[in-house]
N, C-alpha and C. Protein backbone atom coordinates (compact mmCIF):
# COMPACT_ATOMS: atom_id res chain seq x y z
N MET A 1 -3.95 27.73 -14.49
CA MET A 1 -3.46 27.72 -12.97
C MET A 1 -3.84 26.11 -12.95
N LYS A 2 -5.14 25.59 -13.44
CA LYS A 2 -5.72 24.72 -13.03
C LYS A 2 -4.80 23.27 -13.75
N LEU A 3 -4.38 23.70 -15.07
CA LEU A 3 -3.57 22.74 -15.63
C LEU A 3 -2.49 22.77 -15.24
N ILE A 4 -1.70 23.66 -14.66
CA ILE A 4 -0.40 23.65 -14.05
C ILE A 4 -0.39 22.78 -13.14
N LEU A 5 -1.36 23.35 -12.19
CA LEU A 5 -1.67 22.32 -10.89
C LEU A 5 -2.02 20.68 -11.17
N THR A 6 -2.82 20.76 -11.89
CA THR A 6 -3.35 19.33 -12.46
C THR A 6 -1.40 18.32 -12.61
N TRP A 7 -0.61 19.39 -13.63
CA TRP A 7 0.59 18.64 -13.98
C TRP A 7 1.32 18.31 -12.51
N ILE A 8 1.38 19.15 -11.96
CA ILE A 8 2.06 19.01 -10.24
C ILE A 8 1.84 17.87 -9.45
N ILE A 9 0.53 18.27 -9.33
CA ILE A 9 -0.27 16.94 -8.80
C ILE A 9 0.35 15.15 -9.63
N ASN A 10 0.25 15.69 -10.83
CA ASN A 10 0.52 14.18 -11.39
C ASN A 10 2.01 14.00 -11.63
N ALA A 11 3.00 14.72 -11.11
CA ALA A 11 4.39 14.75 -10.65
C ALA A 11 4.46 13.88 -9.66
N LEU A 12 3.61 14.69 -8.38
CA LEU A 12 3.82 14.35 -7.16
C LEU A 12 3.21 12.90 -7.05
N ALA A 13 2.15 12.61 -7.67
CA ALA A 13 1.84 10.90 -7.90
C ALA A 13 2.71 9.95 -8.57
N LEU A 14 3.54 10.48 -9.47
CA LEU A 14 4.94 9.35 -9.93
C LEU A 14 5.66 9.35 -8.95
N LEU A 15 6.06 10.72 -8.20
CA LEU A 15 7.29 10.36 -6.99
C LEU A 15 6.63 9.50 -6.19
N ALA A 16 5.63 9.29 -5.78
CA ALA A 16 5.04 8.40 -5.12
C ALA A 16 5.12 6.85 -5.47
N LEU A 17 5.35 6.67 -6.34
CA LEU A 17 5.62 4.99 -6.90
C LEU A 17 6.69 4.63 -6.66
N PRO A 18 7.72 4.91 -6.32
CA PRO A 18 8.89 4.27 -6.22
C PRO A 18 8.88 3.57 -4.42
N TYR A 19 8.34 4.59 -3.73
CA TYR A 19 7.65 4.11 -2.61
C TYR A 19 7.05 2.73 -2.45
N ILE A 20 5.99 2.43 -3.36
CA ILE A 20 4.98 1.09 -3.57
C ILE A 20 5.70 0.32 -4.58
N PHE A 21 6.25 0.54 -5.50
CA PHE A 21 6.84 -0.37 -6.22
C PHE A 21 8.32 -0.26 -6.35
N ASP A 22 9.09 -1.52 -6.00
CA ASP A 22 10.67 -1.70 -6.16
C ASP A 22 10.88 -1.24 -7.41
N SER A 23 10.21 -1.79 -8.39
CA SER A 23 10.49 -1.77 -9.90
C SER A 23 10.30 -0.81 -10.74
N ILE A 24 10.05 0.28 -10.11
CA ILE A 24 9.63 1.71 -10.51
C ILE A 24 10.89 2.44 -10.02
N ARG A 25 11.34 3.33 -10.59
CA ARG A 25 12.40 4.33 -10.20
C ARG A 25 12.04 5.87 -10.94
N VAL A 26 12.05 6.79 -9.94
CA VAL A 26 11.77 8.37 -10.54
C VAL A 26 12.85 9.09 -10.19
N ASP A 27 13.95 9.51 -10.74
CA ASP A 27 15.00 9.79 -10.37
C ASP A 27 15.18 11.54 -9.47
N SER A 28 14.26 12.43 -10.19
CA SER A 28 14.01 13.49 -9.58
C SER A 28 12.60 14.25 -9.81
N PHE A 29 12.37 15.28 -8.96
CA PHE A 29 11.08 16.32 -9.44
C PHE A 29 10.92 16.35 -10.63
N TYR A 30 12.08 16.81 -11.42
CA TYR A 30 12.28 17.38 -12.63
C TYR A 30 12.07 16.43 -13.66
N THR A 31 12.39 15.10 -13.16
CA THR A 31 12.14 14.17 -14.18
C THR A 31 10.58 13.51 -14.06
N ALA A 32 9.89 13.51 -12.99
CA ALA A 32 8.31 13.62 -12.93
C ALA A 32 7.36 14.56 -13.27
N LEU A 33 8.45 15.59 -13.58
CA LEU A 33 7.49 16.85 -14.51
C LEU A 33 7.49 16.64 -15.42
N ILE A 34 8.54 15.88 -16.33
CA ILE A 34 8.89 15.61 -18.01
C ILE A 34 7.93 14.49 -17.83
N THR A 35 8.06 13.34 -17.02
CA THR A 35 7.49 12.24 -17.26
C THR A 35 5.74 12.37 -17.59
N ALA A 36 5.21 13.41 -16.17
CA ALA A 36 3.91 13.45 -16.47
C ALA A 36 3.28 13.99 -17.59
N LEU A 37 4.28 15.38 -18.31
CA LEU A 37 3.90 15.86 -19.60
C LEU A 37 3.99 14.76 -20.47
N VAL A 38 4.78 14.02 -20.52
CA VAL A 38 4.80 13.10 -21.60
C VAL A 38 3.62 12.37 -21.83
N LEU A 39 3.41 11.43 -20.23
CA LEU A 39 2.38 10.67 -20.07
C LEU A 39 0.87 11.42 -20.37
N GLY A 40 1.00 12.64 -19.87
CA GLY A 40 -0.29 13.40 -20.43
C GLY A 40 -0.39 13.64 -22.00
N LEU A 41 0.48 13.90 -22.85
CA LEU A 41 0.34 13.80 -24.32
C LEU A 41 0.16 12.41 -24.64
N VAL A 42 0.95 11.50 -24.35
CA VAL A 42 0.68 10.14 -24.85
C VAL A 42 -1.06 9.90 -24.56
N ASN A 43 -1.49 9.82 -23.56
CA ASN A 43 -2.62 9.21 -22.83
C ASN A 43 -3.73 10.54 -23.81
N ALA A 44 -3.32 11.72 -24.42
CA ALA A 44 -4.34 12.78 -25.07
C ALA A 44 -4.28 12.17 -26.39
N LEU A 45 -3.03 11.72 -27.06
CA LEU A 45 -3.08 11.87 -28.50
C LEU A 45 -2.97 9.93 -28.74
N ILE A 46 -2.30 9.19 -28.21
CA ILE A 46 -2.05 8.21 -28.80
C ILE A 46 -3.16 7.09 -28.06
N ARG A 47 -3.35 7.25 -26.73
CA ARG A 47 -4.21 6.28 -26.16
C ARG A 47 -5.73 6.06 -26.76
N PRO A 48 -6.24 7.47 -27.24
CA PRO A 48 -7.92 7.19 -27.92
C PRO A 48 -7.54 6.46 -29.03
N LEU A 49 -6.48 6.48 -29.70
CA LEU A 49 -6.44 5.58 -31.12
C LEU A 49 -6.36 3.93 -30.71
N LEU A 50 -5.28 3.72 -29.70
CA LEU A 50 -5.28 2.41 -29.24
C LEU A 50 -6.77 1.81 -28.95
N ILE A 51 -7.64 2.80 -28.20
CA ILE A 51 -8.64 2.15 -27.54
C ILE A 51 -9.66 1.88 -28.80
N LEU A 52 -9.58 2.73 -29.82
CA LEU A 52 -10.45 2.64 -30.96
C LEU A 52 -10.01 1.67 -31.84
N LEU A 53 -8.48 0.90 -31.96
CA LEU A 53 -8.23 -0.07 -32.66
C LEU A 53 -8.51 -1.20 -32.18
N THR A 54 -8.15 -1.36 -30.92
CA THR A 54 -8.75 -2.93 -29.99
C THR A 54 -9.69 -2.86 -29.61
N LEU A 55 -10.88 -1.75 -29.99
CA LEU A 55 -12.59 -1.99 -29.63
C LEU A 55 -13.17 -3.31 -29.48
N PRO A 56 -12.65 -4.23 -30.56
CA PRO A 56 -13.68 -5.48 -30.33
C PRO A 56 -12.98 -6.55 -29.48
N ILE A 57 -11.65 -6.23 -29.27
CA ILE A 57 -11.03 -7.27 -28.20
C ILE A 57 -11.29 -6.79 -26.52
N ASN A 58 -11.51 -5.00 -26.66
CA ASN A 58 -11.86 -4.63 -25.22
C ASN A 58 -13.27 -4.87 -24.93
N ILE A 59 -14.24 -4.91 -25.89
CA ILE A 59 -15.63 -5.29 -25.59
C ILE A 59 -15.84 -6.81 -25.08
N LEU A 60 -15.01 -7.88 -25.88
CA LEU A 60 -14.98 -9.38 -25.54
C LEU A 60 -14.53 -9.62 -24.33
N MET A 61 -13.41 -8.73 -23.66
CA MET A 61 -12.53 -8.52 -22.30
C MET A 61 -13.38 -7.83 -21.32
N LEU A 62 -14.51 -7.38 -21.39
CA LEU A 62 -15.36 -6.21 -21.07
C LEU A 62 -14.66 -5.24 -20.21
N GLY A 63 -13.60 -4.15 -20.82
CA GLY A 63 -13.25 -3.45 -20.70
C GLY A 63 -11.64 -3.67 -19.83
N LEU A 64 -11.54 -4.67 -19.76
CA LEU A 64 -10.12 -5.05 -19.02
C LEU A 64 -8.84 -4.86 -19.86
N PHE A 65 -9.25 -4.79 -21.07
CA PHE A 65 -7.93 -4.74 -21.88
C PHE A 65 -7.53 -3.14 -21.77
N THR A 66 -8.27 -2.17 -21.15
CA THR A 66 -7.60 -1.20 -21.08
C THR A 66 -6.76 -0.68 -20.62
N PHE A 67 -6.48 -1.97 -19.22
CA PHE A 67 -5.61 -1.78 -18.25
C PHE A 67 -4.06 -2.51 -18.88
N VAL A 68 -4.45 -3.19 -19.83
CA VAL A 68 -3.04 -3.63 -20.81
C VAL A 68 -2.83 -2.37 -21.19
N ILE A 69 -3.64 -1.58 -22.11
CA ILE A 69 -3.45 -0.65 -22.92
C ILE A 69 -2.39 0.62 -22.14
N ASN A 70 -3.15 0.74 -20.91
CA ASN A 70 -2.63 1.88 -19.86
C ASN A 70 -0.92 1.41 -19.52
N GLY A 71 -1.01 0.21 -19.29
CA GLY A 71 0.54 -0.32 -18.63
C GLY A 71 1.50 -0.54 -19.98
N LEU A 72 0.87 -0.95 -21.11
CA LEU A 72 2.00 -0.79 -22.23
C LEU A 72 2.37 1.01 -22.37
N LEU A 73 1.61 1.97 -22.06
CA LEU A 73 2.17 3.37 -23.00
C LEU A 73 2.73 3.65 -21.60
N PHE A 74 2.20 3.38 -20.31
CA PHE A 74 3.42 3.80 -19.13
C PHE A 74 4.71 3.06 -19.18
N TRP A 75 4.56 1.95 -19.99
CA TRP A 75 6.12 1.28 -20.10
C TRP A 75 6.81 1.70 -21.25
N PHE A 76 6.11 2.35 -22.32
CA PHE A 76 6.66 2.92 -23.32
C PHE A 76 6.90 4.31 -23.05
N VAL A 77 6.41 5.36 -22.04
CA VAL A 77 7.01 6.35 -21.82
C VAL A 77 8.10 6.32 -20.83
N ALA A 78 8.36 5.24 -20.28
CA ALA A 78 9.47 4.96 -19.54
C ALA A 78 10.59 4.43 -20.35
N SER A 79 10.65 3.98 -21.55
CA SER A 79 11.60 3.22 -22.29
C SER A 79 12.26 4.80 -22.66
N PHE A 80 11.49 5.59 -22.99
CA PHE A 80 12.69 7.01 -23.42
C PHE A 80 12.77 8.21 -22.95
N VAL A 81 11.98 8.22 -21.65
CA VAL A 81 12.14 9.72 -20.69
C VAL A 81 13.29 9.28 -19.77
N LYS A 82 14.24 9.49 -19.78
CA LYS A 82 15.81 9.44 -18.90
C LYS A 82 15.48 9.61 -17.56
N GLY A 83 15.60 8.91 -16.61
CA GLY A 83 15.52 8.63 -15.26
C GLY A 83 14.24 8.63 -14.70
N PHE A 84 13.32 7.70 -15.62
CA PHE A 84 12.02 7.26 -15.40
C PHE A 84 12.12 5.63 -15.71
N LEU A 85 12.32 5.02 -14.73
CA LEU A 85 12.70 3.53 -14.99
C LEU A 85 11.65 2.48 -14.50
N VAL A 86 10.85 1.68 -15.61
CA VAL A 86 10.04 0.56 -15.03
C VAL A 86 10.56 -0.61 -15.51
N ALA A 87 10.40 -1.74 -15.09
CA ALA A 87 11.32 -2.82 -15.23
C ALA A 87 10.99 -3.88 -15.77
N GLY A 88 9.17 -3.66 -15.88
CA GLY A 88 8.55 -4.76 -16.89
C GLY A 88 7.36 -4.78 -17.22
N PHE A 89 6.59 -5.46 -17.82
CA PHE A 89 5.29 -5.02 -18.05
C PHE A 89 4.37 -5.40 -17.04
N TRP A 90 4.37 -5.99 -15.84
CA TRP A 90 3.44 -6.12 -14.75
C TRP A 90 3.93 -5.11 -13.99
N PRO A 91 4.72 -4.55 -13.57
CA PRO A 91 5.32 -3.38 -12.80
C PRO A 91 4.44 -2.09 -13.77
N ALA A 92 4.28 -2.04 -14.95
CA ALA A 92 4.08 -1.09 -15.68
C ALA A 92 2.77 -1.09 -15.62
N VAL A 93 1.81 -2.27 -15.61
CA VAL A 93 0.18 -2.14 -15.38
C VAL A 93 -0.14 -1.64 -13.81
N GLY A 94 0.44 -2.40 -12.86
CA GLY A 94 0.52 -2.07 -11.64
C GLY A 94 0.68 -0.60 -11.32
N GLY A 95 1.68 -0.03 -11.76
CA GLY A 95 2.08 1.38 -11.74
C GLY A 95 1.13 2.37 -12.28
N ALA A 96 0.41 1.81 -13.60
CA ALA A 96 -0.42 2.71 -14.10
C ALA A 96 -1.60 2.80 -13.21
N ILE A 97 -2.16 1.65 -12.58
CA ILE A 97 -3.41 1.87 -11.87
C ILE A 97 -3.22 2.46 -10.91
N VAL A 98 -1.86 2.22 -9.99
CA VAL A 98 -1.71 3.10 -8.85
C VAL A 98 -1.43 4.48 -8.92
N TYR A 99 -0.62 4.66 -10.35
CA TYR A 99 -0.43 6.34 -10.68
C TYR A 99 -2.04 6.71 -10.93
N GLY A 100 -3.02 6.34 -11.32
CA GLY A 100 -4.33 6.70 -11.82
C GLY A 100 -5.27 7.10 -10.46
N ILE A 101 -5.04 6.18 -9.55
CA ILE A 101 -5.67 6.01 -8.53
C ILE A 101 -5.16 7.41 -7.75
N ILE A 102 -3.68 7.55 -7.44
CA ILE A 102 -3.16 8.38 -6.60
C ILE A 102 -3.56 9.85 -7.14
N SER A 103 -3.30 9.84 -9.02
CA SER A 103 -3.65 11.15 -9.16
C SER A 103 -5.22 11.69 -8.91
N TRP A 104 -5.75 10.65 -9.01
CA TRP A 104 -7.08 11.09 -8.92
C TRP A 104 -7.38 11.39 -7.64
N ALA A 105 -7.00 10.82 -6.53
CA ALA A 105 -7.25 10.90 -5.42
C ALA A 105 -6.82 12.45 -4.82
N LEU A 106 -5.80 12.91 -5.13
CA LEU A 106 -4.93 14.23 -5.02
C LEU A 106 -5.57 14.95 -5.94
N SER A 107 -6.04 14.85 -7.06
CA SER A 107 -6.94 15.75 -7.90
C SER A 107 -8.06 15.95 -7.11
N ALA A 108 -9.09 15.28 -6.42
CA ALA A 108 -10.15 15.24 -5.88
C ALA A 108 -10.00 16.01 -4.65
N LEU A 109 -9.04 16.06 -3.97
CA LEU A 109 -8.78 16.75 -2.71
C LEU A 109 -8.32 17.82 -3.13
N VAL A 110 -7.58 18.59 -3.87
CA VAL A 110 -7.02 19.61 -4.27
C VAL A 110 -7.66 20.71 -5.25
N LEU A 111 -8.46 19.92 -5.99
CA LEU A 111 -9.00 20.52 -7.31
C LEU A 111 -10.40 20.90 -6.98
N ASP A 112 -10.94 19.73 -6.35
CA ASP A 112 -12.18 20.10 -6.10
C ASP A 112 -12.74 19.84 -4.63
N PRO A 113 -12.48 21.07 -4.22
CA PRO A 113 -13.00 21.31 -2.63
C PRO A 113 -14.19 21.11 -2.22
N ALA A 114 -14.70 20.42 -1.13
CA ALA A 114 -16.30 20.56 -0.81
C ALA A 114 -16.94 21.85 -1.08
N LYS A 115 -17.92 21.72 -1.67
CA LYS A 115 -18.74 23.03 -1.89
C LYS A 115 -20.11 22.87 -1.11
N PRO A 116 -20.06 24.54 -0.32
CA PRO A 116 -21.32 24.20 0.75
C PRO A 116 -22.62 24.19 -0.59
N ARG A 117 -23.55 23.46 0.30
CA ARG A 117 -24.77 23.33 -0.83
C ARG A 117 -26.00 24.30 -0.03
């Protein structure tokens, strides 16, 4: 149940991006669900390998190269998911950052309610 809720939260975060960036378009909620699924798979399977392969440059740049990797993967997913469009590299980097922040905030609100101490 938590996995499905996280998937829906990520789709909602994707739906918020066109309201923030003119250069990102998500056609429908169905497209957002598919994109969230593909982004999750890409982040789980490809991103760790890219982080490992670019470790020396990432260390030299104090971890900032991770933003580049996230943007490239975001742009990569947009290249083959129909109905999800990102106009370029910099909008992809900004979109990946804002997508992560929105997804984190919604997940913190919904999935981790305040527990009494």
